[in-house]
Amino acid sequence: MPVMYGFDTVRELLPQSYPMIMIDTVEEWERGRTIVCRKNISGGEWCFPGHFPRKAIYPGVLITEGMAQAGILLYRLGEPPEAQEAEFLLTGVKSRFMKPVVPGDSLLIRCEAVKWMSHAGIVSCTASVSGETVSQAELTFAIRHAAKEEIV
């Protein structure tokens, strides 16, 4: 699948920085509707020495973080600069994990907008490896714009 946006663009748009960037590339994007992102899992990931020392399994919380970052990218791509300055607070997560993710896997994260408003958003996400679903989640965000002082 061709890459629409590479890592440098992803890094510019996300509020996180290394080592907490959980998206490598954006492969598909339809404004306000859907996004498909990829995270290639390497044996050199910072989390593996502790999760787990004898059997490397990519933590579910980092898969969920990748889904949240895909949701942020879905909102920020193509938006005016003031929208790109918005802050996101993950306020709700409903997730399921079906299979472990291990070094060498290429995690494909697909998120669809369920509802976007100026102050909140809901996305439905599926993470898969080689076409097999490994996790599903519905994520709810509060969105605070730079001009506002409080999260609504």
Protein backbone atom coordinates (compact mmCIF):
# COMPACT_ATOMS: atom_id res chain seq x y z
CA MET A 1 0.00 0.00 0.00
CA PRO A 2 1.49 3.42 -0.89
CA VAL A 3 2.31 5.87 1.89
CA MET A 4 0.31 9.13 1.87
CA TYR A 5 2.20 10.71 4.77
CA GLY A 6 5.59 9.60 6.07
CA PHE A 7 7.03 9.66 9.55
CA ASP A 8 8.23 13.29 9.37
CA THR A 9 4.68 14.53 8.71
CA VAL A 10 3.28 12.24 11.41
CA ARG A 11 5.84 13.59 13.91
CA GLU A 12 4.93 17.19 13.05
CA LEU A 13 1.19 16.63 13.54
CA LEU A 14 1.24 14.58 16.75
CA PRO A 15 1.65 16.25 20.15
CA GLN A 16 3.71 13.28 21.35
CA SER A 17 7.46 12.90 20.82
CA TYR A 18 9.90 9.99 20.87
CA PRO A 19 9.57 7.40 22.32
CA MET A 20 5.79 7.81 22.44
CA ILE A 21 5.04 8.13 18.72
CA MET A 22 3.13 4.94 17.89
CA ILE A 23 2.47 5.65 14.18
CA ASP A 24 5.08 5.27 11.41
CA THR A 25 3.03 6.19 8.33
CA VAL A 26 -0.43 7.17 7.10
CA GLU A 27 -1.49 4.97 4.19
CA GLU A 28 -5.06 6.13 3.61
CA TRP A 29 -7.01 9.15 4.69
CA GLU A 30 -10.44 10.48 3.85
CA ARG A 31 -11.08 13.85 5.45
CA GLY A 32 -13.31 13.59 8.50
CA ARG A 33 -14.18 9.94 7.82
CA THR A 34 -11.36 7.39 7.95
CA ILE A 35 -7.63 6.92 8.34
CA VAL A 36 -5.33 3.91 7.98
CA CYS A 37 -1.96 4.04 9.72
CA ARG A 38 0.92 1.59 10.09
CA LYS A 39 3.28 0.82 12.97
CA ASN A 40 6.09 -1.62 12.26
CA ILE A 41 7.01 -3.52 15.42
CA SER A 42 10.75 -4.00 15.85
CA GLY A 43 12.55 -6.18 18.36
CA GLY A 44 14.40 -3.02 19.41
CA GLU A 45 11.28 -1.29 20.77
CA TRP A 46 11.91 0.35 24.14
CA CYS A 47 9.09 -1.61 25.81
CA PHE A 48 10.32 -5.16 25.17
CA PRO A 49 12.96 -5.56 27.91
CA GLY A 50 10.17 -5.31 30.48
CA HIS A 51 7.19 -6.68 28.49
CA PHE A 52 8.15 -9.47 28.80
CA PRO A 53 11.79 -10.38 29.49
CA ARG A 54 11.48 -13.95 28.09
CA LYS A 55 8.72 -13.45 25.49
CA ALA A 56 8.41 -10.10 23.73
CA ILE A 57 4.77 -9.02 23.41
CA TYR A 58 3.86 -5.52 22.29
CA PRO A 59 1.78 -3.98 25.12
CA GLY A 60 -1.94 -3.54 24.52
CA VAL A 61 -1.77 -0.07 26.03
CA LEU A 62 0.65 0.95 23.24
CA ILE A 63 -1.71 -0.48 20.62
CA THR A 64 -4.46 1.64 22.18
CA GLU A 65 -2.13 4.67 22.17
CA GLY A 66 -1.49 4.05 18.46
CA MET A 67 -5.24 4.03 17.85
CA ALA A 68 -5.58 7.30 19.79
CA GLN A 69 -2.79 8.87 17.74
CA ALA A 70 -4.49 7.72 14.53
CA GLY A 71 -7.65 9.46 15.78
CA ILE A 72 -5.67 12.66 16.38
CA LEU A 73 -4.22 12.45 12.86
CA LEU A 74 -7.69 11.89 11.42
CA TYR A 75 -8.77 15.15 13.05
CA ARG A 76 -5.63 17.18 12.30
CA LEU A 77 -4.86 16.25 8.69
CA GLY A 78 -6.15 18.87 6.31
CA GLU A 79 -7.40 21.15 9.05
CA PRO A 80 -6.45 24.82 9.43
CA PRO A 81 -3.51 25.68 11.73
CA GLU A 82 -5.76 26.52 14.69
CA ALA A 83 -7.23 22.99 14.60
CA GLN A 84 -3.71 21.57 14.50
CA GLU A 85 -3.02 23.34 17.79
CA ALA A 86 -5.94 21.61 19.53
CA GLU A 87 -5.18 19.48 22.59
CA PHE A 88 -6.72 16.04 22.96
CA LEU A 89 -7.68 14.27 26.16
CA LEU A 90 -8.63 10.62 25.85
CA THR A 91 -11.74 10.41 28.04
CA GLY A 92 -13.08 6.96 27.27
CA VAL A 93 -11.80 3.64 25.96
CA LYS A 94 -13.68 0.43 25.21
CA SER A 95 -11.17 -2.09 23.92
CA ARG A 96 -10.71 -5.77 23.17
CA PHE A 97 -7.51 -7.66 22.46
CA MET A 98 -7.72 -10.89 20.47
CA LYS A 99 -4.13 -11.86 19.62
CA PRO A 100 -0.65 -10.84 20.76
CA VAL A 101 1.53 -8.56 18.64
CA VAL A 102 5.22 -9.51 18.51
CA PRO A 103 8.45 -8.23 16.94
CA GLY A 104 8.36 -8.48 13.16
CA ASP A 105 4.62 -7.73 12.97
CA SER A 106 3.33 -4.81 10.94
CA LEU A 107 0.35 -3.32 12.77
CA LEU A 108 -2.30 -1.74 10.53
CA ILE A 109 -4.62 0.63 12.40
CA ARG A 110 -7.90 1.68 10.76
CA CYS A 111 -10.01 4.35 12.47
CA GLU A 112 -13.41 5.62 11.41
CA ALA A 113 -15.01 8.76 12.76
CA VAL A 114 -18.21 7.96 14.60
CA LYS A 115 -18.87 11.57 15.61
CA TRP A 116 -16.83 14.79 15.56
CA MET A 117 -17.85 18.04 17.19
CA SER A 118 -15.77 21.12 17.94
CA HIS A 119 -15.18 19.96 21.52
CA ALA A 120 -15.28 16.14 21.32
CA GLY A 121 -14.86 13.16 19.05
CA ILE A 122 -15.50 9.44 18.94
CA VAL A 123 -13.56 7.02 16.70
CA SER A 124 -13.96 3.30 16.12
CA CYS A 125 -10.63 1.54 15.49
CA THR A 126 -9.42 -1.87 14.42
CA ALA A 127 -5.79 -3.01 14.57
CA SER A 128 -4.75 -5.94 12.41
CA VAL A 129 -1.63 -7.93 11.50
CA SER A 130 -1.54 -9.66 8.10
CA GLY A 131 -5.29 -9.12 7.71
CA GLU A 132 -6.16 -10.69 11.09
CA THR A 133 -7.77 -8.47 13.73
CA VAL A 134 -5.68 -8.24 16.91
CA SER A 135 -7.56 -5.43 18.70
CA GLN A 136 -10.70 -3.29 18.47
CA ALA A 137 -11.54 -0.12 20.36
CA GLU A 138 -13.92 2.79 20.56
CA LEU A 139 -12.16 5.92 21.78
CA THR A 140 -13.73 9.14 23.03
CA PHE A 141 -11.77 12.42 23.06
CA ALA A 142 -12.30 15.80 24.62
CA ILE A 143 -10.82 18.50 22.39
CA ARG A 144 -9.51 21.78 23.76
CA HIS A 145 -8.74 24.54 21.30
CA ALA A 146 -5.89 26.96 21.94
CA ALA A 147 -8.26 29.92 22.20
CA LYS A 148 -10.21 28.28 25.02
CA GLU A 149 -9.06 27.92 28.60
CA GLU A 150 -11.02 24.83 29.58
CA ILE A 151 -11.91 21.42 28.27
CA VAL A 152 -15.61 21.31 27.52
